[in-house]
PDB file of N, CA and C in Angstrom:
ATOM      1  N   MET A   1      17.872  -9.094  -2.838  1.00  0.00           N
ATOM      2  CA  MET A   1      17.977  -7.811  -2.157  1.00  0.00           C
ATOM      3  C   MET A   1      18.774  -8.003  -0.875  1.00  0.00           C
ATOM      4  N   ASN A   2      19.707  -7.151  -0.626  1.00  0.00           N
ATOM      5  CA  ASN A   2      20.530  -7.209   0.570  1.00  0.00           C
ATOM      6  C   ASN A   2      19.826  -6.458   1.692  1.00  0.00           C
ATOM      7  N   THR A   3      19.310  -7.181   2.668  1.00  0.00           N
ATOM      8  CA  THR A   3      18.583  -6.548   3.770  1.00  0.00           C
ATOM      9  C   THR A   3      19.508  -5.973   4.823  1.00  0.00           C
ATOM     10  N   ASP A   4      20.823  -6.196   4.690  1.00  0.00           N
ATOM     11  CA  ASP A   4      21.763  -5.650   5.671  1.00  0.00           C
ATOM     12  C   ASP A   4      21.798  -4.128   5.652  1.00  0.00           C
ATOM     13  N   THR A   5      21.444  -3.512   4.536  1.00  0.00           N
ATOM     14  CA  THR A   5      21.498  -2.060   4.425  1.00  0.00           C
ATOM     15  C   THR A   5      20.173  -1.395   4.791  1.00  0.00           C
ATOM     16  N   LEU A   6      19.152  -2.190   5.066  1.00  0.00           N
ATOM     17  CA  LEU A   6      17.854  -1.632   5.433  1.00  0.00           C
ATOM     18  C   LEU A   6      17.830  -1.243   6.907  1.00  0.00           C
ATOM     19  N   PRO A   7      17.057  -0.208   7.261  1.00  0.00           N
ATOM     20  CA  PRO A   7      16.878   0.085   8.685  1.00  0.00           C
ATOM     21  C   PRO A   7      16.237  -1.127   9.372  1.00  0.00           C
ATOM     22  N   PRO A   8      16.470  -1.325  10.666  1.00  0.00           N
ATOM     23  CA  PRO A   8      15.961  -2.513  11.366  1.00  0.00           C
ATOM     24  C   PRO A   8      14.460  -2.727  11.210  1.00  0.00           C
ATOM     25  N   GLU A   9      13.659  -1.656  11.193  1.00  0.00           N
ATOM     26  CA  GLU A   9      12.209  -1.808  11.109  1.00  0.00           C
ATOM     27  C   GLU A   9      11.746  -2.291   9.740  1.00  0.00           C
ATOM     28  N   GLN A  10      12.620  -2.266   8.733  1.00  0.00           N
ATOM     29  CA  GLN A  10      12.213  -2.695   7.401  1.00  0.00           C
ATOM     30  C   GLN A  10      12.779  -4.057   7.010  1.00  0.00           C
ATOM     31  N   HIS A  11      13.472  -4.721   7.905  1.00  0.00           N
ATOM     32  CA  HIS A  11      14.057  -6.016   7.579  1.00  0.00           C
ATOM     33  C   HIS A  11      13.007  -7.052   7.242  1.00  0.00           C
ATOM     34  N   LYS A  12      11.881  -7.006   7.868  1.00  0.00           N
ATOM     35  CA  LYS A  12      10.874  -8.040   7.627  1.00  0.00           C
ATOM     36  C   LYS A  12       9.946  -7.706   6.469  1.00  0.00           C
ATOM     37  N   HIS A  13      10.023  -6.513   5.918  1.00  0.00           N
ATOM     38  CA  HIS A  13       9.147  -6.105   4.829  1.00  0.00           C
ATOM     39  C   HIS A  13       9.955  -5.732   3.597  1.00  0.00           C
ATOM     40  N   LEU A  14       9.683  -6.397   2.507  1.00  0.00           N
ATOM     41  CA  LEU A  14      10.301  -6.034   1.244  1.00  0.00           C
ATOM     42  C   LEU A  14       9.449  -4.971   0.567  1.00  0.00           C
ATOM     43  N   PRO A  15      10.020  -4.198  -0.325  1.00  0.00           N
ATOM     44  CA  PRO A  15       9.215  -3.226  -1.059  1.00  0.00           C
ATOM     45  C   PRO A  15       8.155  -3.944  -1.905  1.00  0.00           C
ATOM     46  N   ILE A  16       7.085  -3.257  -2.177  1.00  0.00           N
ATOM     47  CA  ILE A  16       6.063  -3.737  -3.097  1.00  0.00           C
ATOM     48  C   ILE A  16       6.273  -2.969  -4.395  1.00  0.00           C
ATOM     49  N   VAL A  17       6.450  -3.690  -5.487  1.00  0.00           N
ATOM     50  CA  VAL A  17       6.752  -3.072  -6.776  1.00  0.00           C
ATOM     51  C   VAL A  17       5.530  -3.184  -7.676  1.00  0.00           C
ATOM     52  N   ILE A  18       5.058  -2.021  -8.141  1.00  0.00           N
ATOM     53  CA  ILE A  18       3.901  -1.956  -9.031  1.00  0.00           C
ATOM     54  C   ILE A  18       4.326  -1.178 -10.264  1.00  0.00           C
ATOM     55  N   GLU A  19       4.203  -1.816 -11.424  1.00  0.00           N
ATOM     56  CA  GLU A  19       4.535  -1.162 -12.693  1.00  0.00           C
ATOM     57  C   GLU A  19       5.934  -0.532 -12.666  1.00  0.00           C
ATOM     58  N   GLY A  20       6.874  -1.218 -12.028  1.00  0.00           N
ATOM     59  CA  GLY A  20       8.255  -0.736 -11.984  1.00  0.00           C
ATOM     60  C   GLY A  20       8.546   0.295 -10.907  1.00  0.00           C
ATOM     61  N   HIS A  21       7.550   0.686 -10.130  1.00  0.00           N
ATOM     62  CA  HIS A  21       7.737   1.646  -9.037  1.00  0.00           C
ATOM     63  C   HIS A  21       7.765   0.883  -7.716  1.00  0.00           C
ATOM     64  N   SER A  22       8.764   1.177  -6.907  1.00  0.00           N
ATOM     65  CA  SER A  22       8.949   0.495  -5.635  1.00  0.00           C
ATOM     66  C   SER A  22       8.369   1.329  -4.499  1.00  0.00           C
ATOM     67  N   PHE A  23       7.582   0.682  -3.657  1.00  0.00           N
ATOM     68  CA  PHE A  23       6.964   1.354  -2.512  1.00  0.00           C
ATOM     69  C   PHE A  23       7.403   0.627  -1.244  1.00  0.00           C
ATOM     70  N   LYS A  24       7.875   1.411  -0.275  1.00  0.00           N
ATOM     71  CA  LYS A  24       8.409   0.852   0.967  1.00  0.00           C
ATOM     72  C   LYS A  24       7.492   1.214   2.128  1.00  0.00           C
ATOM     73  N   PRO A  25       7.495   0.377   3.167  1.00  0.00           N
ATOM     74  CA  PRO A  25       6.668   0.682   4.342  1.00  0.00           C
ATOM     75  C   PRO A  25       7.303   1.753   5.214  1.00  0.00           C
ATOM     76  N   ASN A  26       6.455   2.370   6.032  1.00  0.00           N
ATOM     77  CA  ASN A  26       6.960   3.327   7.020  1.00  0.00           C
ATOM     78  C   ASN A  26       7.508   2.539   8.214  1.00  0.00           C
ATOM     79  N   PRO A  27       8.042   3.197   9.225  1.00  0.00           N
ATOM     80  CA  PRO A  27       8.607   2.473  10.377  1.00  0.00           C
ATOM     81  C   PRO A  27       7.606   1.568  11.104  1.00  0.00           C
ATOM     82  N   GLN A  28       6.316   1.838  10.947  1.00  0.00           N
ATOM     83  CA  GLN A  28       5.296   0.996  11.578  1.00  0.00           C
ATOM     84  C   GLN A  28       4.921  -0.196  10.704  1.00  0.00           C
ATOM     85  N   GLY A  29       5.552  -0.317   9.534  1.00  0.00           N
ATOM     86  CA  GLY A  29       5.261  -1.440   8.643  1.00  0.00           C
ATOM     87  C   GLY A  29       4.022  -1.238   7.799  1.00  0.00           C
ATOM     88  N   LEU A  30       3.640   0.014   7.567  1.00  0.00           N
ATOM     89  CA  LEU A  30       2.457   0.327   6.758  1.00  0.00           C
ATOM     90  C   LEU A  30       2.878   1.024   5.470  1.00  0.00           C
ATOM     91  N   TRP A  31       2.188   0.692   4.392  1.00  0.00           N
ATOM     92  CA  TRP A  31       2.436   1.322   3.093  1.00  0.00           C
ATOM     93  C   TRP A  31       1.394   2.406   2.875  1.00  0.00           C
ATOM     94  N   SER A  32       1.792   3.462   2.170  1.00  0.00           N
ATOM     95  CA  SER A  32       0.888   4.561   1.867  1.00  0.00           C
ATOM     96  C   SER A  32       0.169   4.285   0.553  1.00  0.00           C
ATOM     97  N   LEU A  33      -1.133   3.995   0.633  1.00  0.00           N
ATOM     98  CA  LEU A  33      -1.928   3.823  -0.586  1.00  0.00           C
ATOM     99  C   LEU A  33      -2.073   5.154  -1.302  1.00  0.00           C
ATOM    100  N   THR A  34      -2.023   6.235  -0.551  1.00  0.00           N
ATOM    101  CA  THR A  34      -2.083   7.573  -1.136  1.00  0.00           C
ATOM    102  C   THR A  34      -0.858   7.809  -2.017  1.00  0.00           C
ATOM    103  N   GLU A  35       0.316   7.401  -1.549  1.00  0.00           N
ATOM    104  CA  GLU A  35       1.543   7.540  -2.338  1.00  0.00           C
ATOM    105  C   GLU A  35       1.453   6.712  -3.615  1.00  0.00           C
ATOM    106  N   ILE A  36       0.935   5.506  -3.507  1.00  0.00           N
ATOM    107  CA  ILE A  36       0.783   4.653  -4.691  1.00  0.00           C
ATOM    108  C   ILE A  36      -0.118   5.345  -5.707  1.00  0.00           C
ATOM    109  N   ASN A  37      -1.237   5.887  -5.246  1.00  0.00           N
ATOM    110  CA  ASN A  37      -2.161   6.574  -6.144  1.00  0.00           C
ATOM    111  C   ASN A  37      -1.537   7.809  -6.775  1.00  0.00           C
ATOM    112  N   LYS A  38      -0.782   8.577  -6.000  1.00  0.00           N
ATOM    113  CA  LYS A  38      -0.143   9.785  -6.543  1.00  0.00           C
ATOM    114  C   LYS A  38       0.952   9.434  -7.558  1.00  0.00           C
ATOM    115  N   THR A  39       1.623   8.314  -7.350  1.00  0.00           N
ATOM    116  CA  THR A  39       2.679   7.893  -8.268  1.00  0.00           C
ATOM    117  C   THR A  39       2.108   7.295  -9.554  1.00  0.00           C
ATOM    118  N   LEU A  40       0.975   6.614  -9.445  1.00  0.00           N
ATOM    119  CA  LEU A  40       0.361   5.925 -10.586  1.00  0.00           C
ATOM    120  C   LEU A  40      -1.089   6.380 -10.792  1.00  0.00           C
ATOM    121  N   PRO A  41      -1.342   7.686 -10.968  1.00  0.00           N
ATOM    122  CA  PRO A  41      -2.734   8.165 -11.032  1.00  0.00           C
ATOM    123  C   PRO A  41      -3.524   7.614 -12.212  1.00  0.00           C
ATOM    124  N   GLU A  42      -2.848   7.310 -13.326  1.00  0.00           N
ATOM    125  CA  GLU A  42      -3.556   6.788 -14.487  1.00  0.00           C
ATOM    126  C   GLU A  42      -3.950   5.324 -14.309  1.00  0.00           C
ATOM    127  N   LEU A  43      -3.365   4.681 -13.334  1.00  0.00           N
ATOM    128  CA  LEU A  43      -3.572   3.258 -13.115  1.00  0.00           C
ATOM    129  C   LEU A  43      -4.485   2.974 -11.933  1.00  0.00           C
ATOM    130  N   THR A  44      -4.387   3.789 -10.909  1.00  0.00           N
ATOM    131  CA  THR A  44      -5.069   3.477  -9.656  1.00  0.00           C
ATOM    132  C   THR A  44      -6.256   4.382  -9.393  1.00  0.00           C
ATOM    133  N   LYS A  45      -7.122   3.892  -8.531  1.00  0.00           N
ATOM    134  CA  LYS A  45      -8.201   4.706  -7.977  1.00  0.00           C
ATOM    135  C   LYS A  45      -7.676   5.312  -6.682  1.00  0.00           C
ATOM    136  N   PRO A  46      -8.183   6.490  -6.324  1.00  0.00           N
ATOM    137  CA  PRO A  46      -7.822   6.983  -4.997  1.00  0.00           C
ATOM    138  C   PRO A  46      -8.263   5.951  -3.952  1.00  0.00           C
ATOM    139  N   PRO A  47      -7.487   5.771  -2.895  1.00  0.00           N
ATOM    140  CA  PRO A  47      -7.853   4.763  -1.891  1.00  0.00           C
ATOM    141  C   PRO A  47      -9.286   4.913  -1.368  1.00  0.00           C
ATOM    142  N   ALA A  48      -9.757   6.146  -1.259  1.00  0.00           N
ATOM    143  CA  ALA A  48     -11.128   6.354  -0.765  1.00  0.00           C
ATOM    144  C   ALA A  48     -12.175   5.826  -1.739  1.00  0.00           C
ATOM    145  N   GLN A  49     -11.798   5.645  -2.998  1.00  0.00           N
ATOM    146  CA  GLN A  49     -12.741   5.133  -3.998  1.00  0.00           C
ATOM    147  C   GLN A  49     -12.568   3.640  -4.260  1.00  0.00           C
ATOM    148  N   TRP A  50     -11.629   3.007  -3.562  1.00  0.00           N
ATOM    149  CA  TRP A  50     -11.447   1.556  -3.681  1.00  0.00           C
ATOM    150  C   TRP A  50     -12.613   0.903  -2.960  1.00  0.00           C
ATOM    151  N   ARG A  51     -13.441   0.208  -3.702  1.00  0.00           N
ATOM    152  CA  ARG A  51     -14.647  -0.391  -3.151  1.00  0.00           C
ATOM    153  C   ARG A  51     -14.615  -1.906  -3.317  1.00  0.00           C
ATOM    154  N   GLY A  52     -15.465  -2.551  -2.575  1.00  0.00           N
ATOM    155  CA  GLY A  52     -15.614  -3.995  -2.729  1.00  0.00           C
ATOM    156  C   GLY A  52     -15.432  -4.725  -1.424  1.00  0.00           C
ATOM    157  N   ARG A  53     -15.679  -6.000  -1.512  1.00  0.00           N
ATOM    158  CA  ARG A  53     -15.634  -6.814  -0.286  1.00  0.00           C
ATOM    159  C   ARG A  53     -14.233  -6.900   0.292  1.00  0.00           C
ATOM    160  N   GLU A  54     -13.199  -6.802  -0.585  1.00  0.00           N
ATOM    161  CA  GLU A  54     -11.827  -6.853  -0.077  1.00  0.00           C
ATOM    162  C   GLU A  54     -11.554  -5.668   0.839  1.00  0.00           C
ATOM    163  N   ARG A  55     -11.902  -4.460   0.364  1.00  0.00           N
ATOM    164  CA  ARG A  55     -11.679  -3.273   1.193  1.00  0.00           C
ATOM    165  C   ARG A  55     -12.489  -3.371   2.484  1.00  0.00           C
ATOM    166  N   ASP A  56     -13.744  -3.791   2.374  1.00  0.00           N
ATOM    167  CA  ASP A  56     -14.584  -3.933   3.566  1.00  0.00           C
ATOM    168  C   ASP A  56     -13.935  -4.877   4.575  1.00  0.00           C
ATOM    169  N   TYR A  57     -13.391  -5.978   4.079  1.00  0.00           N
ATOM    170  CA  TYR A  57     -12.730  -6.945   4.949  1.00  0.00           C
ATOM    171  C   TYR A  57     -11.532  -6.314   5.655  1.00  0.00           C
ATOM    172  N   PHE A  58     -10.687  -5.615   4.884  1.00  0.00           N
ATOM    173  CA  PHE A  58      -9.487  -5.022   5.475  1.00  0.00           C
ATOM    174  C   PHE A  58      -9.832  -3.915   6.462  1.00  0.00           C
ATOM    175  N   GLU A  59     -10.894  -3.190   6.240  1.00  0.00           N
ATOM    176  CA  GLU A  59     -11.324  -2.179   7.214  1.00  0.00           C
ATOM    177  C   GLU A  59     -11.780  -2.850   8.510  1.00  0.00           C
ATOM    178  N   ARG A  60     -12.535  -3.929   8.395  1.00  0.00           N
ATOM    179  CA  ARG A  60     -12.991  -4.651   9.597  1.00  0.00           C
ATOM    180  C   ARG A  60     -11.825  -5.233  10.386  1.00  0.00           C
ATOM    181  N   CYS A  61     -10.790  -5.674   9.678  1.00  0.00           N
ATOM    182  CA  CYS A  61      -9.620  -6.285  10.328  1.00  0.00           C
ATOM    183  C   CYS A  61      -8.590  -5.262  10.788  1.00  0.00           C
ATOM    184  N   ALA A  62      -8.876  -3.984  10.593  1.00  0.00           N
ATOM    185  CA  ALA A  62      -7.963  -2.886  10.964  1.00  0.00           C
ATOM    186  C   ALA A  62      -6.662  -2.934  10.166  1.00  0.00           C
ATOM    187  N   ASP A  63      -6.743  -3.394   8.917  1.00  0.00           N
ATOM    188  CA  ASP A  63      -5.575  -3.389   8.045  1.00  0.00           C
ATOM    189  C   ASP A  63      -5.480  -2.101   7.238  1.00  0.00           C
ATOM    190  N   LEU A  64      -6.488  -1.234   7.333  1.00  0.00           N
ATOM    191  CA  LEU A  64      -6.473   0.075   6.689  1.00  0.00           C
ATOM    192  C   LEU A  64      -6.554   1.138   7.761  1.00  0.00           C
ATOM    193  N   HIS A  65      -5.737   2.163   7.623  1.00  0.00           N
ATOM    194  CA  HIS A  65      -5.700   3.248   8.592  1.00  0.00           C
ATOM    195  C   HIS A  65      -5.808   4.567   7.836  1.00  0.00           C
ATOM    196  N   ILE A  66      -6.850   5.325   8.114  1.00  0.00           N
ATOM    197  CA  ILE A  66      -7.058   6.600   7.443  1.00  0.00           C
ATOM    198  C   ILE A  66      -6.659   7.716   8.389  1.00  0.00           C
ATOM    199  N   VAL A  67      -5.760   8.577   7.901  1.00  0.00           N
ATOM    200  CA  VAL A  67      -5.276   9.703   8.684  1.00  0.00           C
ATOM    201  C   VAL A  67      -5.781  10.971   8.010  1.00  0.00           C
ATOM    202  N   HIS A  68      -6.486  11.808   8.756  1.00  0.00           N
ATOM    203  CA  HIS A  68      -7.043  13.048   8.215  1.00  0.00           C
ATOM    204  C   HIS A  68      -6.081  14.203   8.462  1.00  0.00           C
ATOM    205  N   GLY A  69      -6.232  15.266   7.689  1.00  0.00           N
ATOM    206  CA  GLY A  69      -5.403  16.454   7.869  1.00  0.00           C
ATOM    207  C   GLY A  69      -4.403  16.628   6.748  1.00  0.00           C
ATOM    208  N   ASP A  70      -3.563  17.646   6.892  1.00  0.00           N
ATOM    209  CA  ASP A  70      -2.587  17.983   5.852  1.00  0.00           C
ATOM    210  C   ASP A  70      -1.621  16.838   5.557  1.00  0.00           C
ATOM    211  N   GLN A  71      -1.229  16.115   6.550  1.00  0.00           N
ATOM    212  CA  GLN A  71      -0.297  14.998   6.375  1.00  0.00           C
ATOM    213  C   GLN A  71      -1.039  13.667   6.297  1.00  0.00           C
ATOM    214  N   GLY A  72      -2.313  13.734   6.022  1.00  0.00           N
ATOM    215  CA  GLY A  72      -3.148  12.540   6.023  1.00  0.00           C
ATOM    216  C   GLY A  72      -2.953  11.653   4.814  1.00  0.00           C
ATOM    217  N   GLY A  73      -3.663  10.568   4.847  1.00  0.00           N
ATOM    218  CA  GLY A  73      -3.622   9.603   3.759  1.00  0.00           C
ATOM    219  C   GLY A  73      -4.168   8.278   4.230  1.00  0.00           C
ATOM    220  N   THR A  74      -4.122   7.310   3.360  1.00  0.00           N
ATOM    221  CA  THR A  74      -4.572   5.966   3.703  1.00  0.00           C
ATOM    222  C   THR A  74      -3.352   5.072   3.789  1.00  0.00           C
ATOM    223  N   TRP A  75      -3.194   4.431   4.920  1.00  0.00           N
ATOM    224  CA  TRP A  75      -2.073   3.541   5.191  1.00  0.00           C
ATOM    225  C   TRP A  75      -2.609   2.125   5.337  1.00  0.00           C
ATOM    226  N   ALA A  76      -1.827   1.143   4.886  1.00  0.00           N
ATOM    227  CA  ALA A  76      -2.310  -0.235   4.900  1.00  0.00           C
ATOM    228  C   ALA A  76      -1.204  -1.207   5.271  1.00  0.00           C
ATOM    229  N   THR A  77      -1.630  -2.333   5.818  1.00  0.00           N
ATOM    230  CA  THR A  77      -0.702  -3.424   6.095  1.00  0.00           C
ATOM    231  C   THR A  77      -0.247  -4.022   4.769  1.00  0.00           C
ATOM    232  N   GLU A  78       0.715  -4.917   4.850  1.00  0.00           N
ATOM    233  CA  GLU A  78       1.242  -5.543   3.632  1.00  0.00           C
ATOM    234  C   GLU A  78       0.136  -6.244   2.844  1.00  0.00           C
ATOM    235  N   ARG A  79      -0.669  -7.043   3.512  1.00  0.00           N
ATOM    236  CA  ARG A  79      -1.687  -7.793   2.770  1.00  0.00           C
ATOM    237  C   ARG A  79      -2.751  -6.887   2.181  1.00  0.00           C
ATOM    238  N   ALA A  80      -3.119  -5.805   2.847  1.00  0.00           N
ATOM    239  CA  ALA A  80      -4.088  -4.869   2.283  1.00  0.00           C
ATOM    240  C   ALA A  80      -3.473  -4.098   1.115  1.00  0.00           C
ATOM    241  N   THR A  81      -2.186  -3.768   1.210  1.00  0.00           N
ATOM    242  CA  THR A  81      -1.508  -3.074   0.115  1.00  0.00           C
ATOM    243  C   THR A  81      -1.433  -3.977  -1.113  1.00  0.00           C
ATOM    244  N   ILE A  82      -1.152  -5.234  -0.913  1.00  0.00           N
ATOM    245  CA  ILE A  82      -1.106  -6.175  -2.035  1.00  0.00           C
ATOM    246  C   ILE A  82      -2.491  -6.288  -2.674  1.00  0.00           C
ATOM    247  N   ALA A  83      -3.544  -6.334  -1.872  1.00  0.00           N
ATOM    248  CA  ALA A  83      -4.908  -6.394  -2.424  1.00  0.00           C
ATOM    249  C   ALA A  83      -5.228  -5.134  -3.229  1.00  0.00           C
ATOM    250  N   TYR A  84      -4.817  -3.965  -2.718  1.00  0.00           N
ATOM    251  CA  TYR A  84      -5.019  -2.711  -3.440  1.00  0.00           C
ATOM    252  C   TYR A  84      -4.259  -2.739  -4.768  1.00  0.00           C
ATOM    253  N   ALA A  85      -3.013  -3.189  -4.736  1.00  0.00           N
ATOM    254  CA  ALA A  85      -2.206  -3.272  -5.955  1.00  0.00           C
ATOM    255  C   ALA A  85      -2.833  -4.226  -6.962  1.00  0.00           C
ATOM    256  N   MET A  86      -3.374  -5.333  -6.482  1.00  0.00           N
ATOM    257  CA  MET A  86      -4.031  -6.287  -7.368  1.00  0.00           C
ATOM    258  C   MET A  86      -5.281  -5.682  -8.000  1.00  0.00           C
ATOM    259  N   ALA A  87      -5.978  -4.846  -7.257  1.00  0.00           N
ATOM    260  CA  ALA A  87      -7.174  -4.196  -7.793  1.00  0.00           C
ATOM    261  C   ALA A  87      -6.814  -3.118  -8.812  1.00  0.00           C
ATOM    262  N   CYS A  88      -5.607  -2.592  -8.728  1.00  0.00           N
ATOM    263  CA  CYS A  88      -5.176  -1.494  -9.607  1.00  0.00           C
ATOM    264  C   CYS A  88      -4.436  -1.963 -10.851  1.00  0.00           C
ATOM    265  N   SER A  89      -3.675  -3.027 -10.748  1.00  0.00           N
ATOM    266  CA  SER A  89      -2.787  -3.434 -11.837  1.00  0.00           C
ATOM    267  C   SER A  89      -2.962  -4.892 -12.176  1.00  0.00           C
ATOM    268  N   LEU A  90      -3.401  -5.164 -13.404  1.00  0.00           N
ATOM    269  CA  LEU A  90      -3.527  -6.542 -13.853  1.00  0.00           C
ATOM    270  C   LEU A  90      -2.169  -7.225 -13.886  1.00  0.00           C
ATOM    271  N   ASP A  91      -1.121  -6.483 -14.287  1.00  0.00           N
ATOM    272  CA  ASP A  91       0.224  -7.073 -14.300  1.00  0.00           C
ATOM    273  C   ASP A  91       0.648  -7.492 -12.901  1.00  0.00           C
ATOM    274  N   PHE A  92       0.360  -6.655 -11.901  1.00  0.00           N
ATOM    275  CA  PHE A  92       0.696  -7.013 -10.526  1.00  0.00           C
ATOM    276  C   PHE A  92      -0.117  -8.240 -10.103  1.00  0.00           C
ATOM    277  N   TYR A  93      -1.387  -8.257 -10.432  1.00  0.00           N
ATOM    278  CA  TYR A  93      -2.268  -9.362 -10.065  1.00  0.00           C
ATOM    279  C   TYR A  93      -1.739 -10.677 -10.631  1.00  0.00           C
ATOM    280  N   VAL A  94      -1.353 -10.658 -11.895  1.00  0.00           N
ATOM    281  CA  VAL A  94      -0.869 -11.870 -12.557  1.00  0.00           C
ATOM    282  C   VAL A  94       0.487 -12.245 -11.989  1.00  0.00           C
TER     283      VAL A  94
END
């Protein structure tokens, strides 16, 4: 991937690809778990229904950010997004 064409804030983050769909971080370096769920509804759980010790850990570490309201959603750091993708897709996990 040629990072020369990416905006400066995305140079350090590559897209996360799940089932052939590419997801990019926002300018703050966070991925939208809500977008992933909306794109792959048959594969994923809504972020609010993602349960387990992994989610608990990422919430404690502030790697998950929940925004309420019309423009709301669940935003995550790279490592939390990868954990969510692993919980949703066996192909991604492998």
